[in-house]
Amino acid sequence: MEMPPTHLAVEQDRLEELRDLLAAGADIHEEYNGFTLLHRAVDGEIDGHIQTGEPLHVDATCFLLSQGADPTRRSHRGAGASAHHMAFVSGHWLADALFEAWLARRDV
């Protein structure tokens, strides 16, 4: 099965295309191969950091949160880890901090 356009946009860091796809009705929680869009963002950001040595960033993660993605939502139809957990265990401290702040504001 071919990667859906939304996941491909996240994978390739094409945020304007992702914005347009979501505005056209794409599902913010769409899963592909066990990853939601938010999982894919965290994974891509940590991979980019490891592969290039560039500083961590949260561009896709932040955009997806702004569009309603839930970092506590589990992958694999509820049987897998959340994007928040994934960020924590993979050492993506910046995404983890962002998710912690999101959770603190949500619980107010």
N, C-alpha and C. Protein backbone atom coordinates (compact mmCIF):
# COMPACT_ATOMS: atom_id res chain seq x y z
N MET A 1 0.84 -1.19 0.00
CA MET A 1 0.00 0.00 0.00
C MET A 1 0.89 1.25 0.00
N GLU A 2 0.57 2.16 -0.86
CA GLU A 2 1.33 3.40 -1.00
C GLU A 2 1.05 4.35 0.16
N MET A 3 2.09 5.07 0.58
CA MET A 3 1.94 6.02 1.68
C MET A 3 0.94 7.11 1.29
N PRO A 4 -0.05 7.38 2.16
CA PRO A 4 -1.04 8.43 1.87
C PRO A 4 -0.37 9.80 1.74
N PRO A 5 -1.00 10.70 0.98
CA PRO A 5 -0.42 12.03 0.75
C PRO A 5 -0.12 12.80 2.04
N THR A 6 -0.97 12.66 3.05
CA THR A 6 -0.72 13.39 4.29
C THR A 6 0.56 12.91 4.97
N HIS A 7 0.73 11.61 5.02
CA HIS A 7 1.93 11.04 5.64
C HIS A 7 3.18 11.39 4.84
N LEU A 8 3.04 11.37 3.53
CA LEU A 8 4.17 11.73 2.67
C LEU A 8 4.56 13.20 2.88
N ALA A 9 3.57 14.06 3.03
CA ALA A 9 3.84 15.48 3.27
C ALA A 9 4.59 15.67 4.59
N VAL A 10 4.18 14.93 5.64
CA VAL A 10 4.88 15.01 6.92
C VAL A 10 6.29 14.45 6.77
N GLU A 11 6.40 13.29 6.15
CA GLU A 11 7.69 12.62 5.96
C GLU A 11 8.69 13.52 5.23
N GLN A 12 8.21 14.27 4.26
CA GLN A 12 9.08 15.11 3.43
C GLN A 12 9.09 16.57 3.89
N ASP A 13 8.49 16.82 5.07
CA ASP A 13 8.48 18.16 5.68
C ASP A 13 7.89 19.21 4.75
N ARG A 14 6.81 18.85 4.07
CA ARG A 14 6.11 19.78 3.17
C ARG A 14 4.84 20.27 3.90
N LEU A 15 5.04 21.21 4.80
CA LEU A 15 3.96 21.64 5.68
C LEU A 15 2.86 22.41 4.96
N GLU A 16 3.19 23.16 3.94
CA GLU A 16 2.14 23.87 3.20
C GLU A 16 1.22 22.87 2.51
N GLU A 17 1.78 21.83 1.94
CA GLU A 17 0.96 20.79 1.33
C GLU A 17 0.11 20.08 2.37
N LEU A 18 0.69 19.80 3.53
CA LEU A 18 -0.06 19.17 4.62
C LEU A 18 -1.21 20.08 5.05
N ARG A 19 -0.95 21.36 5.17
CA ARG A 19 -2.00 22.33 5.53
C ARG A 19 -3.16 22.25 4.55
N ASP A 20 -2.83 22.22 3.26
CA ASP A 20 -3.87 22.17 2.23
C ASP A 20 -4.66 20.87 2.29
N LEU A 21 -3.98 19.76 2.52
CA LEU A 21 -4.65 18.46 2.61
C LEU A 21 -5.61 18.42 3.81
N LEU A 22 -5.16 18.94 4.93
CA LEU A 22 -6.02 18.97 6.12
C LEU A 22 -7.20 19.92 5.92
N ALA A 23 -6.96 21.05 5.28
CA ALA A 23 -8.04 22.01 4.99
C ALA A 23 -9.07 21.40 4.05
N ALA A 24 -8.63 20.48 3.21
CA ALA A 24 -9.53 19.82 2.26
C ALA A 24 -10.26 18.63 2.89
N GLY A 25 -10.00 18.37 4.18
CA GLY A 25 -10.75 17.34 4.88
C GLY A 25 -9.99 16.09 5.27
N ALA A 26 -8.69 16.05 5.07
CA ALA A 26 -7.91 14.87 5.48
C ALA A 26 -8.01 14.70 7.00
N ASP A 27 -7.96 13.46 7.44
CA ASP A 27 -8.10 13.11 8.85
C ASP A 27 -6.79 13.37 9.60
N ILE A 28 -6.84 14.21 10.61
CA ILE A 28 -5.66 14.56 11.40
C ILE A 28 -5.10 13.34 12.14
N HIS A 29 -5.94 12.32 12.37
CA HIS A 29 -5.52 11.12 13.09
C HIS A 29 -5.36 9.90 12.18
N GLU A 30 -5.24 10.14 10.88
CA GLU A 30 -5.07 9.05 9.93
C GLU A 30 -3.86 8.19 10.32
N GLU A 31 -4.03 6.87 10.25
CA GLU A 31 -2.93 5.95 10.54
C GLU A 31 -2.45 5.28 9.27
N TYR A 32 -1.15 5.08 9.22
CA TYR A 32 -0.53 4.34 8.13
C TYR A 32 0.66 3.58 8.71
N ASN A 33 0.67 2.29 8.53
CA ASN A 33 1.74 1.43 9.07
C ASN A 33 1.99 1.67 10.56
N GLY A 34 0.91 1.86 11.31
CA GLY A 34 1.02 2.01 12.75
C GLY A 34 1.39 3.39 13.25
N PHE A 35 1.48 4.36 12.36
CA PHE A 35 1.81 5.73 12.76
C PHE A 35 0.65 6.65 12.44
N THR A 36 0.29 7.51 13.40
CA THR A 36 -0.57 8.64 13.08
C THR A 36 0.34 9.71 12.46
N LEU A 37 -0.26 10.79 12.00
CA LEU A 37 0.55 11.88 11.46
C LEU A 37 1.51 12.44 12.52
N LEU A 38 1.04 12.50 13.75
CA LEU A 38 1.88 13.03 14.83
C LEU A 38 3.04 12.09 15.13
N HIS A 39 2.79 10.79 15.13
CA HIS A 39 3.88 9.82 15.29
C HIS A 39 4.92 10.01 14.18
N ARG A 40 4.43 10.16 12.96
CA ARG A 40 5.33 10.31 11.81
C ARG A 40 6.16 11.59 11.96
N ALA A 41 5.55 12.66 12.46
CA ALA A 41 6.28 13.92 12.66
C ALA A 41 7.40 13.74 13.68
N VAL A 42 7.08 13.14 14.82
CA VAL A 42 8.09 12.92 15.86
C VAL A 42 9.22 12.05 15.31
N ASP A 43 8.85 10.98 14.63
CA ASP A 43 9.84 10.06 14.07
C ASP A 43 10.73 10.78 13.05
N GLY A 44 10.12 11.55 12.17
CA GLY A 44 10.89 12.27 11.16
C GLY A 44 11.81 13.32 11.74
N GLU A 45 11.33 14.01 12.77
CA GLU A 45 12.15 15.05 13.39
C GLU A 45 13.37 14.44 14.10
N ILE A 46 13.16 13.34 14.81
CA ILE A 46 14.29 12.71 15.49
C ILE A 46 15.25 12.08 14.48
N ASP A 47 14.72 11.46 13.43
CA ASP A 47 15.58 10.88 12.39
C ASP A 47 16.41 11.95 11.69
N GLY A 48 15.78 13.08 11.37
CA GLY A 48 16.51 14.16 10.72
C GLY A 48 17.65 14.67 11.59
N HIS A 49 17.39 14.78 12.87
CA HIS A 49 18.42 15.22 13.82
C HIS A 49 19.58 14.23 13.86
N ILE A 50 19.26 12.95 13.94
CA ILE A 50 20.30 11.92 14.02
C ILE A 50 21.10 11.86 12.73
N GLN A 51 20.42 11.91 11.60
CA GLN A 51 21.09 11.75 10.31
C GLN A 51 21.93 12.96 9.91
N THR A 52 21.48 14.15 10.26
CA THR A 52 22.18 15.36 9.80
C THR A 52 22.99 16.06 10.88
N GLY A 53 22.68 15.78 12.14
CA GLY A 53 23.34 16.49 13.23
C GLY A 53 22.76 17.88 13.47
N GLU A 54 21.76 18.25 12.68
CA GLU A 54 21.10 19.55 12.87
C GLU A 54 20.32 19.52 14.19
N PRO A 55 20.09 20.68 14.80
CA PRO A 55 19.32 20.72 16.04
C PRO A 55 17.91 20.15 15.85
N LEU A 56 17.38 19.60 16.92
CA LEU A 56 15.99 19.14 16.90
C LEU A 56 15.07 20.31 16.60
N HIS A 57 13.96 20.01 15.95
CA HIS A 57 12.93 21.03 15.73
C HIS A 57 11.58 20.35 15.89
N VAL A 58 10.53 21.14 15.96
CA VAL A 58 9.18 20.61 16.14
C VAL A 58 8.21 21.25 15.15
N ASP A 59 8.67 21.59 13.98
CA ASP A 59 7.82 22.29 13.01
C ASP A 59 6.55 21.50 12.71
N ALA A 60 6.69 20.27 12.26
CA ALA A 60 5.52 19.46 11.90
C ALA A 60 4.70 19.12 13.14
N THR A 61 5.38 18.77 14.22
CA THR A 61 4.69 18.44 15.46
C THR A 61 3.83 19.61 15.94
N CYS A 62 4.40 20.78 15.95
CA CYS A 62 3.68 21.98 16.39
C CYS A 62 2.49 22.28 15.49
N PHE A 63 2.70 22.18 14.18
CA PHE A 63 1.60 22.43 13.25
C PHE A 63 0.47 21.43 13.46
N LEU A 64 0.80 20.16 13.61
CA LEU A 64 -0.24 19.15 13.81
C LEU A 64 -1.00 19.37 15.11
N LEU A 65 -0.30 19.77 16.17
CA LEU A 65 -1.00 20.10 17.43
C LEU A 65 -1.96 21.27 17.21
N SER A 66 -1.54 22.25 16.45
CA SER A 66 -2.39 23.42 16.19
C SER A 66 -3.64 23.04 15.39
N GLN A 67 -3.58 21.92 14.70
CA GLN A 67 -4.71 21.47 13.88
C GLN A 67 -5.58 20.43 14.59
N GLY A 68 -5.26 20.14 15.85
CA GLY A 68 -6.10 19.25 16.63
C GLY A 68 -5.57 17.85 16.87
N ALA A 69 -4.34 17.57 16.49
CA ALA A 69 -3.76 16.25 16.76
C ALA A 69 -3.63 16.06 18.27
N ASP A 70 -3.84 14.84 18.72
CA ASP A 70 -3.80 14.51 20.14
C ASP A 70 -2.55 13.69 20.43
N PRO A 71 -1.59 14.23 21.20
CA PRO A 71 -0.36 13.49 21.47
C PRO A 71 -0.55 12.29 22.39
N THR A 72 -1.72 12.16 23.01
CA THR A 72 -1.97 11.01 23.88
C THR A 72 -2.68 9.87 23.14
N ARG A 73 -3.07 10.11 21.91
CA ARG A 73 -3.75 9.08 21.12
C ARG A 73 -2.77 7.97 20.78
N ARG A 74 -3.18 6.73 21.03
CA ARG A 74 -2.32 5.58 20.77
C ARG A 74 -2.45 5.14 19.31
N SER A 75 -1.35 4.66 18.78
CA SER A 75 -1.35 4.14 17.42
C SER A 75 -1.89 2.71 17.40
N HIS A 76 -1.89 2.09 16.25
CA HIS A 76 -2.37 0.71 16.07
C HIS A 76 -3.77 0.54 16.65
N ARG A 77 -4.65 1.49 16.31
CA ARG A 77 -6.04 1.45 16.75
C ARG A 77 -6.17 1.34 18.28
N GLY A 78 -5.28 2.03 18.97
CA GLY A 78 -5.35 2.08 20.42
C GLY A 78 -4.45 1.10 21.15
N ALA A 79 -3.78 0.21 20.43
CA ALA A 79 -2.95 -0.81 21.08
C ALA A 79 -1.48 -0.42 21.18
N GLY A 80 -1.08 0.63 20.50
CA GLY A 80 0.34 1.02 20.47
C GLY A 80 0.64 2.17 21.41
N ALA A 81 1.79 2.76 21.22
CA ALA A 81 2.24 3.87 22.04
C ALA A 81 1.69 5.19 21.51
N SER A 82 1.61 6.17 22.37
CA SER A 82 1.21 7.51 21.94
C SER A 82 2.42 8.25 21.36
N ALA A 83 2.16 9.31 20.63
CA ALA A 83 3.25 10.14 20.11
C ALA A 83 4.03 10.77 21.26
N HIS A 84 3.32 11.09 22.34
CA HIS A 84 3.98 11.65 23.52
C HIS A 84 4.99 10.64 24.08
N HIS A 85 4.56 9.40 24.23
CA HIS A 85 5.46 8.36 24.74
C HIS A 85 6.63 8.15 23.77
N MET A 86 6.32 8.13 22.49
CA MET A 86 7.36 7.95 21.47
C MET A 86 8.42 9.05 21.57
N ALA A 87 7.99 10.30 21.75
CA ALA A 87 8.93 11.41 21.88
C ALA A 87 9.81 11.22 23.11
N PHE A 88 9.20 10.81 24.21
CA PHE A 88 9.94 10.62 25.46
C PHE A 88 11.00 9.53 25.32
N VAL A 89 10.60 8.35 24.83
CA VAL A 89 11.54 7.23 24.77
C VAL A 89 12.60 7.41 23.68
N SER A 90 12.30 8.18 22.65
CA SER A 90 13.28 8.38 21.57
C SER A 90 14.24 9.52 21.86
N GLY A 91 13.99 10.25 22.94
CA GLY A 91 14.88 11.36 23.30
C GLY A 91 14.58 12.66 22.57
N HIS A 92 13.39 12.76 22.01
CA HIS A 92 13.00 14.02 21.34
C HIS A 92 12.47 14.94 22.43
N TRP A 93 13.41 15.51 23.18
CA TRP A 93 13.06 16.30 24.36
C TRP A 93 12.22 17.52 24.02
N LEU A 94 12.42 18.07 22.84
CA LEU A 94 11.68 19.28 22.45
C LEU A 94 10.20 18.96 22.22
N ALA A 95 9.93 17.86 21.51
CA ALA A 95 8.54 17.44 21.31
C ALA A 95 7.92 17.03 22.64
N ASP A 96 8.68 16.34 23.49
CA ASP A 96 8.18 15.94 24.79
C ASP A 96 7.78 17.16 25.61
N ALA A 97 8.61 18.20 25.61
CA ALA A 97 8.29 19.43 26.34
C ALA A 97 7.04 20.10 25.77
N LEU A 98 6.92 20.10 24.46
CA LEU A 98 5.74 20.67 23.81
C LEU A 98 4.48 19.90 24.21
N PHE A 99 4.57 18.58 24.21
CA PHE A 99 3.42 17.75 24.61
C PHE A 99 3.06 17.97 26.07
N GLU A 100 4.07 18.09 26.93
CA GLU A 100 3.81 18.34 28.36
C GLU A 100 3.08 19.68 28.53
N ALA A 101 3.50 20.70 27.81
CA ALA A 101 2.83 22.00 27.88
C ALA A 101 1.41 21.91 27.35
N TRP A 102 1.21 21.16 26.26
CA TRP A 102 -0.12 20.95 25.68
C TRP A 102 -1.02 20.28 26.71
N LEU A 103 -0.50 19.25 27.38
CA LEU A 103 -1.29 18.53 28.38
C LEU A 103 -1.64 19.43 29.56
N ALA A 104 -0.70 20.25 30.01
CA ALA A 104 -0.95 21.15 31.13
C ALA A 104 -2.04 22.15 30.79
N ARG A 105 -2.03 22.67 29.58
CA ARG A 105 -3.06 23.64 29.17
C ARG A 105 -4.41 22.95 28.98
N ARG A 106 -4.39 21.73 28.48
CA ARG A 106 -5.63 20.99 28.24
C ARG A 106 -6.34 20.71 29.56
N ASP A 107 -5.57 20.45 30.60
CA ASP A 107 -6.14 20.06 31.89
C ASP A 107 -6.56 21.25 32.75
N VAL A 108 -6.40 22.48 32.24
CA VAL A 108 -6.76 23.67 33.02
C VAL A 108 -8.25 23.89 32.97
